[in-house]
Amino acid sequence: DALGRMRGAEKWEKGGVDADLEFHRLVARATGNPYLAMVIGFLSEQVRESIMETRARAGPVGALIDVTIAEHQAIYDALAEGAPHEARKAMSTHINNAAARLGYTLSIDETS
């Protein structure tokens, strides 16, 4: 549902950002690790600011939104297929790319 809302008309508005954050909270909850879910919940407002900053820097937002939705789709697909290694790679790629869009370089290993 969250991914669908990210793709829909809401993707251009605050609702798209809300759906993005909900997606990450749901993935964190799905890990079964209550501490990870708590940390993601705690960081949600900071992440919201990062998303808004990325959109502000991006110029034409349409292409950026499509890229981030594709990254989320890859995470979802791996989880739906029961492929944790692929889900980890997809999430690592998304986190690294999100940081790069803000001008940061992370060292999250996408191959592990």
PDB file of N, CA and C in Angstrom:
ATOM      1  N   ASP A   1       0.826  -1.197   0.000  1.00  0.00           N
ATOM      2  CA  ASP A   1       0.000   0.000   0.000  1.00  0.00           C
ATOM      3  C   ASP A   1       0.868   1.257   0.000  1.00  0.00           C
ATOM      4  N   ALA A   2       1.886   1.290   0.859  1.00  0.00           N
ATOM      5  CA  ALA A   2       2.767   2.461   0.930  1.00  0.00           C
ATOM      6  C   ALA A   2       3.479   2.670  -0.401  1.00  0.00           C
ATOM      7  N   LEU A   3       3.958   1.607  -0.995  1.00  0.00           N
ATOM      8  CA  LEU A   3       4.635   1.717  -2.286  1.00  0.00           C
ATOM      9  C   LEU A   3       3.663   2.210  -3.360  1.00  0.00           C
ATOM     10  N   GLY A   4       2.443   1.727  -3.334  1.00  0.00           N
ATOM     11  CA  GLY A   4       1.432   2.193  -4.283  1.00  0.00           C
ATOM     12  C   GLY A   4       1.149   3.672  -4.132  1.00  0.00           C
ATOM     13  N   ARG A   5       1.080   4.145  -2.895  1.00  0.00           N
ATOM     14  CA  ARG A   5       0.860   5.575  -2.669  1.00  0.00           C
ATOM     15  C   ARG A   5       2.063   6.394  -3.109  1.00  0.00           C
ATOM     16  N   MET A   6       3.260   5.815  -3.009  1.00  0.00           N
ATOM     17  CA  MET A   6       4.449   6.526  -3.487  1.00  0.00           C
ATOM     18  C   MET A   6       4.393   6.711  -5.004  1.00  0.00           C
ATOM     19  N   ARG A   7       3.803   5.752  -5.702  1.00  0.00           N
ATOM     20  CA  ARG A   7       3.695   5.805  -7.159  1.00  0.00           C
ATOM     21  C   ARG A   7       2.543   6.683  -7.646  1.00  0.00           C
ATOM     22  N   GLY A   8       1.529   6.859  -6.807  1.00  0.00           N
ATOM     23  CA  GLY A   8       0.314   7.550  -7.221  1.00  0.00           C
ATOM     24  C   GLY A   8       0.473   9.061  -7.236  1.00  0.00           C
ATOM     25  N   ALA A   9      -0.656   9.725  -7.333  1.00  0.00           N
ATOM     26  CA  ALA A   9      -0.669  11.179  -7.407  1.00  0.00           C
ATOM     27  C   ALA A   9      -0.019  11.809  -6.178  1.00  0.00           C
ATOM     28  N   GLU A  10      -0.070  11.094  -5.036  1.00  0.00           N
ATOM     29  CA  GLU A  10       0.514  11.628  -3.801  1.00  0.00           C
ATOM     30  C   GLU A  10       2.027  11.780  -3.876  1.00  0.00           C
ATOM     31  N   LYS A  11       2.664  11.122  -4.861  1.00  0.00           N
ATOM     32  CA  LYS A  11       4.125  11.157  -4.908  1.00  0.00           C
ATOM     33  C   LYS A  11       4.661  12.578  -5.035  1.00  0.00           C
ATOM     34  N   TRP A  12       3.873  13.482  -5.526  1.00  0.00           N
ATOM     35  CA  TRP A  12       4.319  14.859  -5.720  1.00  0.00           C
ATOM     36  C   TRP A  12       4.133  15.713  -4.478  1.00  0.00           C
ATOM     37  N   GLU A  13       3.379  15.205  -3.530  1.00  0.00           N
ATOM     38  CA  GLU A  13       3.003  15.990  -2.361  1.00  0.00           C
ATOM     39  C   GLU A  13       3.583  15.378  -1.091  1.00  0.00           C
ATOM     40  N   LYS A  14       3.206  15.959   0.037  1.00  0.00           N
ATOM     41  CA  LYS A  14       3.628  15.470   1.345  1.00  0.00           C
ATOM     42  C   LYS A  14       3.224  14.008   1.543  1.00  0.00           C
ATOM     43  N   GLY A  15       2.090  13.606   0.965  1.00  0.00           N
ATOM     44  CA  GLY A  15       1.633  12.230   1.103  1.00  0.00           C
ATOM     45  C   GLY A  15       2.630  11.225   0.566  1.00  0.00           C
ATOM     46  N   GLY A  16       3.361  11.593  -0.474  1.00  0.00           N
ATOM     47  CA  GLY A  16       4.389  10.709  -1.013  1.00  0.00           C
ATOM     48  C   GLY A  16       5.534  10.522  -0.041  1.00  0.00           C
ATOM     49  N   VAL A  17       5.895  11.583   0.641  1.00  0.00           N
ATOM     50  CA  VAL A  17       6.949  11.500   1.658  1.00  0.00           C
ATOM     51  C   VAL A  17       6.457  10.656   2.833  1.00  0.00           C
ATOM     52  N   ASP A  18       5.209  10.873   3.250  1.00  0.00           N
ATOM     53  CA  ASP A  18       4.631  10.063   4.325  1.00  0.00           C
ATOM     54  C   ASP A  18       4.646   8.582   3.961  1.00  0.00           C
ATOM     55  N   ALA A  19       4.286   8.260   2.716  1.00  0.00           N
ATOM     56  CA  ALA A  19       4.277   6.870   2.259  1.00  0.00           C
ATOM     57  C   ALA A  19       5.690   6.294   2.251  1.00  0.00           C
ATOM     58  N   ASP A  20       6.668   7.095   1.844  1.00  0.00           N
ATOM     59  CA  ASP A  20       8.070   6.666   1.836  1.00  0.00           C
ATOM     60  C   ASP A  20       8.492   6.290   3.252  1.00  0.00           C
ATOM     61  N   LEU A  21       8.196   7.145   4.201  1.00  0.00           N
ATOM     62  CA  LEU A  21       8.567   6.863   5.591  1.00  0.00           C
ATOM     63  C   LEU A  21       7.829   5.644   6.126  1.00  0.00           C
ATOM     64  N   GLU A  22       6.557   5.516   5.770  1.00  0.00           N
ATOM     65  CA  GLU A  22       5.796   4.343   6.196  1.00  0.00           C
ATOM     66  C   GLU A  22       6.417   3.064   5.636  1.00  0.00           C
ATOM     67  N   PHE A  23       6.853   3.100   4.381  1.00  0.00           N
ATOM     68  CA  PHE A  23       7.507   1.949   3.758  1.00  0.00           C
ATOM     69  C   PHE A  23       8.697   1.507   4.614  1.00  0.00           C
ATOM     70  N   HIS A  24       9.532   2.463   5.001  1.00  0.00           N
ATOM     71  CA  HIS A  24      10.718   2.121   5.797  1.00  0.00           C
ATOM     72  C   HIS A  24      10.340   1.607   7.182  1.00  0.00           C
ATOM     73  N   ARG A  25       9.321   2.177   7.788  1.00  0.00           N
ATOM     74  CA  ARG A  25       8.876   1.679   9.098  1.00  0.00           C
ATOM     75  C   ARG A  25       8.352   0.244   8.983  1.00  0.00           C
ATOM     76  N   LEU A  26       7.617  -0.048   7.918  1.00  0.00           N
ATOM     77  CA  LEU A  26       7.086  -1.394   7.718  1.00  0.00           C
ATOM     78  C   LEU A  26       8.200  -2.404   7.471  1.00  0.00           C
ATOM     79  N   VAL A  27       9.197  -2.024   6.690  1.00  0.00           N
ATOM     80  CA  VAL A  27      10.337  -2.921   6.453  1.00  0.00           C
ATOM     81  C   VAL A  27      11.061  -3.177   7.771  1.00  0.00           C
ATOM     82  N   ALA A  28      11.249  -2.133   8.562  1.00  0.00           N
ATOM     83  CA  ALA A  28      11.919  -2.306   9.856  1.00  0.00           C
ATOM     84  C   ALA A  28      11.122  -3.236  10.760  1.00  0.00           C
ATOM     85  N   ARG A  29       9.801  -3.072  10.793  1.00  0.00           N
ATOM     86  CA  ARG A  29       8.957  -3.952  11.609  1.00  0.00           C
ATOM     87  C   ARG A  29       9.024  -5.395  11.113  1.00  0.00           C
ATOM     88  N   ALA A  30       9.110  -5.562   9.797  1.00  0.00           N
ATOM     89  CA  ALA A  30       9.126  -6.907   9.209  1.00  0.00           C
ATOM     90  C   ALA A  30      10.396  -7.673   9.574  1.00  0.00           C
ATOM     91  N   THR A  31      11.440  -6.974   9.994  1.00  0.00           N
ATOM     92  CA  THR A  31      12.667  -7.675  10.393  1.00  0.00           C
ATOM     93  C   THR A  31      12.455  -8.486  11.666  1.00  0.00           C
ATOM     94  N   GLY A  32      11.422  -8.118  12.430  1.00  0.00           N
ATOM     95  CA  GLY A  32      11.203  -8.791  13.700  1.00  0.00           C
ATOM     96  C   GLY A  32      12.115  -8.287  14.803  1.00  0.00           C
ATOM     97  N   ASN A  33      12.930  -7.284  14.490  1.00  0.00           N
ATOM     98  CA  ASN A  33      13.846  -6.711  15.466  1.00  0.00           C
ATOM     99  C   ASN A  33      13.204  -5.438  16.021  1.00  0.00           C
ATOM    100  N   PRO A  34      12.676  -5.482  17.240  1.00  0.00           N
ATOM    101  CA  PRO A  34      11.977  -4.315  17.774  1.00  0.00           C
ATOM    102  C   PRO A  34      12.885  -3.094  17.924  1.00  0.00           C
ATOM    103  N   TYR A  35      14.178  -3.319  18.112  1.00  0.00           N
ATOM    104  CA  TYR A  35      15.098  -2.201  18.255  1.00  0.00           C
ATOM    105  C   TYR A  35      15.282  -1.471  16.927  1.00  0.00           C
ATOM    106  N   LEU A  36      15.354  -2.220  15.847  1.00  0.00           N
ATOM    107  CA  LEU A  36      15.465  -1.592  14.533  1.00  0.00           C
ATOM    108  C   LEU A  36      14.208  -0.781  14.227  1.00  0.00           C
ATOM    109  N   ALA A  37      13.056  -1.346  14.520  1.00  0.00           N
ATOM    110  CA  ALA A  37      11.802  -0.621  14.297  1.00  0.00           C
ATOM    111  C   ALA A  37      11.762   0.648  15.149  1.00  0.00           C
ATOM    112  N   MET A  38      12.256   0.580  16.379  1.00  0.00           N
ATOM    113  CA  MET A  38      12.268   1.741  17.261  1.00  0.00           C
ATOM    114  C   MET A  38      13.208   2.822  16.713  1.00  0.00           C
ATOM    115  N   VAL A  39      14.374   2.413  16.239  1.00  0.00           N
ATOM    116  CA  VAL A  39      15.339   3.376  15.699  1.00  0.00           C
ATOM    117  C   VAL A  39      14.778   4.053  14.454  1.00  0.00           C
ATOM    118  N   ILE A  40      14.187   3.276  13.557  1.00  0.00           N
ATOM    119  CA  ILE A  40      13.610   3.856  12.340  1.00  0.00           C
ATOM    120  C   ILE A  40      12.479   4.813  12.708  1.00  0.00           C
ATOM    121  N   GLY A  41      11.649   4.433  13.650  1.00  0.00           N
ATOM    122  CA  GLY A  41      10.589   5.327  14.103  1.00  0.00           C
ATOM    123  C   GLY A  41      11.158   6.626  14.658  1.00  0.00           C
ATOM    124  N   PHE A  42      12.200   6.509  15.437  1.00  0.00           N
ATOM    125  CA  PHE A  42      12.847   7.668  16.035  1.00  0.00           C
ATOM    126  C   PHE A  42      13.453   8.587  14.973  1.00  0.00           C
ATOM    127  N   LEU A  43      14.028   7.986  13.941  1.00  0.00           N
ATOM    128  CA  LEU A  43      14.708   8.761  12.901  1.00  0.00           C
ATOM    129  C   LEU A  43      13.775   9.284  11.808  1.00  0.00           C
ATOM    130  N   SER A  44      12.524   8.887  11.839  1.00  0.00           N
ATOM    131  CA  SER A  44      11.608   9.237  10.748  1.00  0.00           C
ATOM    132  C   SER A  44      11.555  10.728  10.447  1.00  0.00           C
ATOM    133  N   GLU A  45      11.502  11.557  11.454  1.00  0.00           N
ATOM    134  CA  GLU A  45      11.426  13.000  11.189  1.00  0.00           C
ATOM    135  C   GLU A  45      12.713  13.527  10.571  1.00  0.00           C
ATOM    136  N   GLN A  46      13.844  12.978  10.995  1.00  0.00           N
ATOM    137  CA  GLN A  46      15.115  13.376  10.377  1.00  0.00           C
ATOM    138  C   GLN A  46      15.159  12.929   8.923  1.00  0.00           C
ATOM    139  N   VAL A  47      14.672  11.730   8.678  1.00  0.00           N
ATOM    140  CA  VAL A  47      14.618  11.214   7.309  1.00  0.00           C
ATOM    141  C   VAL A  47      13.673  12.067   6.465  1.00  0.00           C
ATOM    142  N   ARG A  48      12.549  12.494   7.047  1.00  0.00           N
ATOM    143  CA  ARG A  48      11.618  13.372   6.332  1.00  0.00           C
ATOM    144  C   ARG A  48      12.353  14.629   5.855  1.00  0.00           C
ATOM    145  N   GLU A  49      13.145  15.214   6.739  1.00  0.00           N
ATOM    146  CA  GLU A  49      13.905  16.415   6.371  1.00  0.00           C
ATOM    147  C   GLU A  49      14.887  16.113   5.237  1.00  0.00           C
ATOM    148  N   SER A  50      15.516  14.935   5.287  1.00  0.00           N
ATOM    149  CA  SER A  50      16.456  14.551   4.235  1.00  0.00           C
ATOM    150  C   SER A  50      15.753  14.391   2.894  1.00  0.00           C
ATOM    151  N   ILE A  51      14.568  13.780   2.914  1.00  0.00           N
ATOM    152  CA  ILE A  51      13.805  13.607   1.675  1.00  0.00           C
ATOM    153  C   ILE A  51      13.434  14.972   1.106  1.00  0.00           C
ATOM    154  N   MET A  52      12.970  15.852   1.960  1.00  0.00           N
ATOM    155  CA  MET A  52      12.573  17.179   1.493  1.00  0.00           C
ATOM    156  C   MET A  52      13.781  17.949   0.958  1.00  0.00           C
ATOM    157  N   GLU A  53      14.926  17.810   1.618  1.00  0.00           N
ATOM    158  CA  GLU A  53      16.152  18.461   1.155  1.00  0.00           C
ATOM    159  C   GLU A  53      16.582  17.905  -0.202  1.00  0.00           C
ATOM    160  N   THR A  54      16.491  16.589  -0.345  1.00  0.00           N
ATOM    161  CA  THR A  54      16.840  15.965  -1.630  1.00  0.00           C
ATOM    162  C   THR A  54      15.950  16.491  -2.729  1.00  0.00           C
ATOM    163  N   ARG A  55      14.655  16.563  -2.473  1.00  0.00           N
ATOM    164  CA  ARG A  55      13.719  17.075  -3.480  1.00  0.00           C
ATOM    165  C   ARG A  55      14.021  18.524  -3.810  1.00  0.00           C
ATOM    166  N   ALA A  56      14.396  19.319  -2.831  1.00  0.00           N
ATOM    167  CA  ALA A  56      14.701  20.726  -3.060  1.00  0.00           C
ATOM    168  C   ALA A  56      15.952  20.889  -3.919  1.00  0.00           C
ATOM    169  N   ARG A  57      16.930  20.035  -3.742  1.00  0.00           N
ATOM    170  CA  ARG A  57      18.187  20.113  -4.496  1.00  0.00           C
ATOM    171  C   ARG A  57      18.077  19.536  -5.892  1.00  0.00           C
ATOM    172  N   ALA A  58      17.096  18.707  -6.122  1.00  0.00           N
ATOM    173  CA  ALA A  58      17.061  17.884  -7.322  1.00  0.00           C
ATOM    174  C   ALA A  58      16.687  18.618  -8.593  1.00  0.00           C
ATOM    175  N   GLY A  59      16.142  19.810  -8.499  1.00  0.00           N
ATOM    176  CA  GLY A  59      15.633  20.462  -9.697  1.00  0.00           C
ATOM    177  C   GLY A  59      14.339  19.784 -10.089  1.00  0.00           C
ATOM    178  N   PRO A  60      14.250  19.280 -11.325  1.00  0.00           N
ATOM    179  CA  PRO A  60      13.025  18.570 -11.718  1.00  0.00           C
ATOM    180  C   PRO A  60      12.828  17.323 -10.854  1.00  0.00           C
ATOM    181  N   VAL A  61      11.785  17.325 -10.066  1.00  0.00           N
ATOM    182  CA  VAL A  61      11.574  16.280  -9.066  1.00  0.00           C
ATOM    183  C   VAL A  61      11.081  14.981  -9.680  1.00  0.00           C
ATOM    184  N   GLY A  62      10.429  15.042 -10.830  1.00  0.00           N
ATOM    185  CA  GLY A  62       9.826  13.851 -11.417  1.00  0.00           C
ATOM    186  C   GLY A  62      10.791  12.699 -11.597  1.00  0.00           C
ATOM    187  N   ALA A  63      11.946  12.950 -12.185  1.00  0.00           N
ATOM    188  CA  ALA A  63      12.927  11.885 -12.409  1.00  0.00           C
ATOM    189  C   ALA A  63      13.456  11.352 -11.085  1.00  0.00           C
ATOM    190  N   LEU A  64      13.691  12.244 -10.144  1.00  0.00           N
ATOM    191  CA  LEU A  64      14.181  11.830  -8.829  1.00  0.00           C
ATOM    192  C   LEU A  64      13.177  10.914  -8.142  1.00  0.00           C
ATOM    193  N   ILE A  65      11.921  11.285  -8.172  1.00  0.00           N
ATOM    194  CA  ILE A  65      10.892  10.469  -7.529  1.00  0.00           C
ATOM    195  C   ILE A  65      10.819   9.099  -8.197  1.00  0.00           C
ATOM    196  N   ASP A  66      10.898   9.069  -9.518  1.00  0.00           N
ATOM    197  CA  ASP A  66      10.853   7.788 -10.228  1.00  0.00           C
ATOM    198  C   ASP A  66      12.032   6.892  -9.845  1.00  0.00           C
ATOM    199  N   VAL A  67      13.218   7.487  -9.688  1.00  0.00           N
ATOM    200  CA  VAL A  67      14.406   6.715  -9.295  1.00  0.00           C
ATOM    201  C   VAL A  67      14.225   6.150  -7.887  1.00  0.00           C
ATOM    202  N   THR A  68      13.759   6.972  -6.958  1.00  0.00           N
ATOM    203  CA  THR A  68      13.614   6.485  -5.587  1.00  0.00           C
ATOM    204  C   THR A  68      12.503   5.443  -5.483  1.00  0.00           C
ATOM    205  N   ILE A  69      11.449   5.597  -6.266  1.00  0.00           N
ATOM    206  CA  ILE A  69      10.395   4.576  -6.260  1.00  0.00           C
ATOM    207  C   ILE A  69      10.944   3.258  -6.799  1.00  0.00           C
ATOM    208  N   ALA A  70      11.769   3.323  -7.838  1.00  0.00           N
ATOM    209  CA  ALA A  70      12.376   2.101  -8.376  1.00  0.00           C
ATOM    210  C   ALA A  70      13.266   1.429  -7.325  1.00  0.00           C
ATOM    211  N   GLU A  71      13.989   2.218  -6.540  1.00  0.00           N
ATOM    212  CA  GLU A  71      14.812   1.644  -5.471  1.00  0.00           C
ATOM    213  C   GLU A  71      13.938   0.950  -4.429  1.00  0.00           C
ATOM    214  N   HIS A  72      12.829   1.583  -4.068  1.00  0.00           N
ATOM    215  CA  HIS A  72      11.905   0.977  -3.111  1.00  0.00           C
ATOM    216  C   HIS A  72      11.261  -0.283  -3.698  1.00  0.00           C
ATOM    217  N   GLN A  73      10.953  -0.254  -4.973  1.00  0.00           N
ATOM    218  CA  GLN A  73      10.357  -1.424  -5.628  1.00  0.00           C
ATOM    219  C   GLN A  73      11.316  -2.612  -5.570  1.00  0.00           C
ATOM    220  N   ALA A  74      12.603  -2.347  -5.771  1.00  0.00           N
ATOM    221  CA  ALA A  74      13.598  -3.428  -5.703  1.00  0.00           C
ATOM    222  C   ALA A  74      13.649  -4.043  -4.305  1.00  0.00           C
ATOM    223  N   ILE A  75      13.547  -3.205  -3.287  1.00  0.00           N
ATOM    224  CA  ILE A  75      13.522  -3.703  -1.908  1.00  0.00           C
ATOM    225  C   ILE A  75      12.277  -4.563  -1.698  1.00  0.00           C
ATOM    226  N   TYR A  76      11.142  -4.029  -2.093  1.00  0.00           N
ATOM    227  CA  TYR A  76       9.867  -4.739  -1.931  1.00  0.00           C
ATOM    228  C   TYR A  76       9.899  -6.087  -2.665  1.00  0.00           C
ATOM    229  N   ASP A  77      10.364  -6.075  -3.911  1.00  0.00           N
ATOM    230  CA  ASP A  77      10.388  -7.306  -4.710  1.00  0.00           C
ATOM    231  C   ASP A  77      11.238  -8.376  -4.033  1.00  0.00           C
ATOM    232  N   ALA A  78      12.402  -7.987  -3.529  1.00  0.00           N
ATOM    233  CA  ALA A  78      13.273  -8.959  -2.861  1.00  0.00           C
ATOM    234  C   ALA A  78      12.607  -9.521  -1.604  1.00  0.00           C
ATOM    235  N   LEU A  79      11.952  -8.653  -0.846  1.00  0.00           N
ATOM    236  CA  LEU A  79      11.255  -9.126   0.360  1.00  0.00           C
ATOM    237  C   LEU A  79      10.096 -10.044  -0.008  1.00  0.00           C
ATOM    238  N   ALA A  80       9.332  -9.664  -1.023  1.00  0.00           N
ATOM    239  CA  ALA A  80       8.182 -10.470  -1.448  1.00  0.00           C
ATOM    240  C   ALA A  80       8.613 -11.842  -1.956  1.00  0.00           C
ATOM    241  N   GLU A  81       9.812 -11.911  -2.534  1.00  0.00           N
ATOM    242  CA  GLU A  81      10.338 -13.180  -3.043  1.00  0.00           C
ATOM    243  C   GLU A  81      11.004 -14.001  -1.942  1.00  0.00           C
ATOM    244  N   GLY A  82      11.102 -13.433  -0.742  1.00  0.00           N
ATOM    245  CA  GLY A  82      11.770 -14.151   0.348  1.00  0.00           C
ATOM    246  C   GLY A  82      13.261 -14.260   0.124  1.00  0.00           C
ATOM    247  N   ALA A  83      13.850 -13.214  -0.457  1.00  0.00           N
ATOM    248  CA  ALA A  83      15.278 -13.213  -0.784  1.00  0.00           C
ATOM    249  C   ALA A  83      15.996 -12.177   0.088  1.00  0.00           C
ATOM    250  N   PRO A  84      16.347 -12.544   1.323  1.00  0.00           N
ATOM    251  CA  PRO A  84      16.937 -11.560   2.240  1.00  0.00           C
ATOM    252  C   PRO A  84      18.257 -10.971   1.748  1.00  0.00           C
ATOM    253  N   HIS A  85      19.078 -11.773   1.082  1.00  0.00           N
ATOM    254  CA  HIS A  85      20.355 -11.255   0.575  1.00  0.00           C
ATOM    255  C   HIS A  85      20.099 -10.166  -0.465  1.00  0.00           C
ATOM    256  N   GLU A  86      19.152 -10.412  -1.362  1.00  0.00           N
ATOM    257  CA  GLU A  86      18.812  -9.411  -2.381  1.00  0.00           C
ATOM    258  C   GLU A  86      18.159  -8.190  -1.751  1.00  0.00           C
ATOM    259  N   ALA A  87      17.336  -8.390  -0.727  1.00  0.00           N
ATOM    260  CA  ALA A  87      16.707  -7.259  -0.029  1.00  0.00           C
ATOM    261  C   ALA A  87      17.770  -6.390   0.631  1.00  0.00           C
ATOM    262  N   ARG A  88      18.746  -7.041   1.249  1.00  0.00           N
ATOM    263  CA  ARG A  88      19.843  -6.296   1.884  1.00  0.00           C
ATOM    264  C   ARG A  88      20.616  -5.490   0.853  1.00  0.00           C
ATOM    265  N   LYS A  89      20.909  -6.105  -0.284  1.00  0.00           N
ATOM    266  CA  LYS A  89      21.619  -5.382  -1.345  1.00  0.00           C
ATOM    267  C   LYS A  89      20.791  -4.200  -1.849  1.00  0.00           C
ATOM    268  N   ALA A  90      19.502  -4.416  -2.044  1.00  0.00           N
ATOM    269  CA  ALA A  90      18.637  -3.350  -2.547  1.00  0.00           C
ATOM    270  C   ALA A  90      18.536  -2.209  -1.536  1.00  0.00           C
ATOM    271  N   MET A  91      18.435  -2.533  -0.250  1.00  0.00           N
ATOM    272  CA  MET A  91      18.369  -1.485   0.766  1.00  0.00           C
ATOM    273  C   MET A  91      19.693  -0.742   0.855  1.00  0.00           C
ATOM    274  N   SER A  92      20.798  -1.464   0.780  1.00  0.00           N
ATOM    275  CA  SER A  92      22.113  -0.812   0.798  1.00  0.00           C
ATOM    276  C   SER A  92      22.270   0.140  -0.376  1.00  0.00           C
ATOM    277  N   THR A  93      21.848  -0.306  -1.542  1.00  0.00           N
ATOM    278  CA  THR A  93      21.900   0.559  -2.723  1.00  0.00           C
ATOM    279  C   THR A  93      21.063   1.814  -2.501  1.00  0.00           C
ATOM    280  N   HIS A  94      19.857   1.640  -1.979  1.00  0.00           N
ATOM    281  CA  HIS A  94      18.974   2.781  -1.740  1.00  0.00           C
ATOM    282  C   HIS A  94      19.593   3.759  -0.740  1.00  0.00           C
ATOM    283  N   ILE A  95      20.134   3.255   0.354  1.00  0.00           N
ATOM    284  CA  ILE A  95      20.728   4.132   1.368  1.00  0.00           C
ATOM    285  C   ILE A  95      21.943   4.859   0.806  1.00  0.00           C
ATOM    286  N   ASN A  96      22.800   4.141   0.095  1.00  0.00           N
ATOM    287  CA  ASN A  96      23.970   4.782  -0.518  1.00  0.00           C
ATOM    288  C   ASN A  96      23.552   5.847  -1.526  1.00  0.00           C
ATOM    289  N   ASN A  97      22.569   5.534  -2.356  1.00  0.00           N
ATOM    290  CA  ASN A  97      22.117   6.491  -3.367  1.00  0.00           C
ATOM    291  C   ASN A  97      21.451   7.702  -2.722  1.00  0.00           C
ATOM    292  N   ALA A  98      20.647   7.470  -1.684  1.00  0.00           N
ATOM    293  CA  ALA A  98      19.996   8.581  -0.988  1.00  0.00           C
ATOM    294  C   ALA A  98      21.041   9.512  -0.382  1.00  0.00           C
ATOM    295  N   ALA A  99      22.068   8.952   0.216  1.00  0.00           N
ATOM    296  CA  ALA A  99      23.137   9.776   0.788  1.00  0.00           C
ATOM    297  C   ALA A  99      23.847  10.560  -0.314  1.00  0.00           C
ATOM    298  N   ALA A 100      24.125   9.900  -1.434  1.00  0.00           N
ATOM    299  CA  ALA A 100      24.799  10.571  -2.545  1.00  0.00           C
ATOM    300  C   ALA A 100      23.973  11.734  -3.085  1.00  0.00           C
ATOM    301  N   ARG A 101      22.656  11.563  -3.096  1.00  0.00           N
ATOM    302  CA  ARG A 101      21.795  12.656  -3.563  1.00  0.00           C
ATOM    303  C   ARG A 101      21.886  13.866  -2.647  1.00  0.00           C
ATOM    304  N   LEU A 102      22.314  13.649  -1.400  1.00  0.00           N
ATOM    305  CA  LEU A 102      22.516  14.747  -0.449  1.00  0.00           C
ATOM    306  C   LEU A 102      23.972  15.200  -0.397  1.00  0.00           C
ATOM    307  N   GLY A 103      24.814  14.568  -1.220  1.00  0.00           N
ATOM    308  CA  GLY A 103      26.220  14.956  -1.274  1.00  0.00           C
ATOM    309  C   GLY A 103      27.125  14.211  -0.310  1.00  0.00           C
ATOM    310  N   TYR A 104      26.645  13.091   0.227  1.00  0.00           N
ATOM    311  CA  TYR A 104      27.431  12.289   1.160  1.00  0.00           C
ATOM    312  C   TYR A 104      27.842  10.973   0.522  1.00  0.00           C
ATOM    313  N   THR A 105      28.968  10.451   0.981  1.00  0.00           N
ATOM    314  CA  THR A 105      29.416   9.136   0.557  1.00  0.00           C
ATOM    315  C   THR A 105      29.423   8.228   1.773  1.00  0.00           C
ATOM    316  N   LEU A 106      28.718   7.117   1.671  1.00  0.00           N
ATOM    317  CA  LEU A 106      28.680   6.142   2.746  1.00  0.00           C
ATOM    318  C   LEU A 106      29.468   4.918   2.320  1.00  0.00           C
ATOM    319  N   SER A 107      29.781   4.088   3.262  1.00  0.00           N
ATOM    320  CA  SER A 107      30.509   2.862   2.948  1.00  0.00           C
ATOM    321  C   SER A 107      29.667   1.643   3.307  1.00  0.00           C
ATOM    322  N   ILE A 108      28.388   1.682   2.966  1.00  0.00           N
ATOM    323  CA  ILE A 108      27.529   0.541   3.208  1.00  0.00           C
ATOM    324  C   ILE A 108      27.773  -0.456   2.080  1.00  0.00           C
ATOM    325  N   ASP A 109      28.199  -1.637   2.446  1.00  0.00           N
ATOM    326  CA  ASP A 109      28.552  -2.671   1.471  1.00  0.00           C
ATOM    327  C   ASP A 109      27.309  -3.212   0.783  1.00  0.00           C
ATOM    328  N   GLU A 110      27.254  -3.034  -0.529  1.00  0.00           N
ATOM    329  CA  GLU A 110      26.086  -3.502  -1.294  1.00  0.00           C
ATOM    330  C   GLU A 110      26.204  -4.961  -1.702  1.00  0.00           C
ATOM    331  N   THR A 111      27.335  -5.584  -1.450  1.00  0.00           N
ATOM    332  CA  THR A 111      27.517  -6.963  -1.905  1.00  0.00           C
ATOM    333  C   THR A 111      27.289  -7.985  -0.806  1.00  0.00           C
ATOM    334  N   SER A 112      27.244  -7.543   0.447  1.00  0.00           N
ATOM    335  CA  SER A 112      27.115  -8.536   1.532  1.00  0.00           C
ATOM    336  C   SER A 112      25.688  -8.940   1.769  1.00  0.00           C
TER     337      SER A 112
END
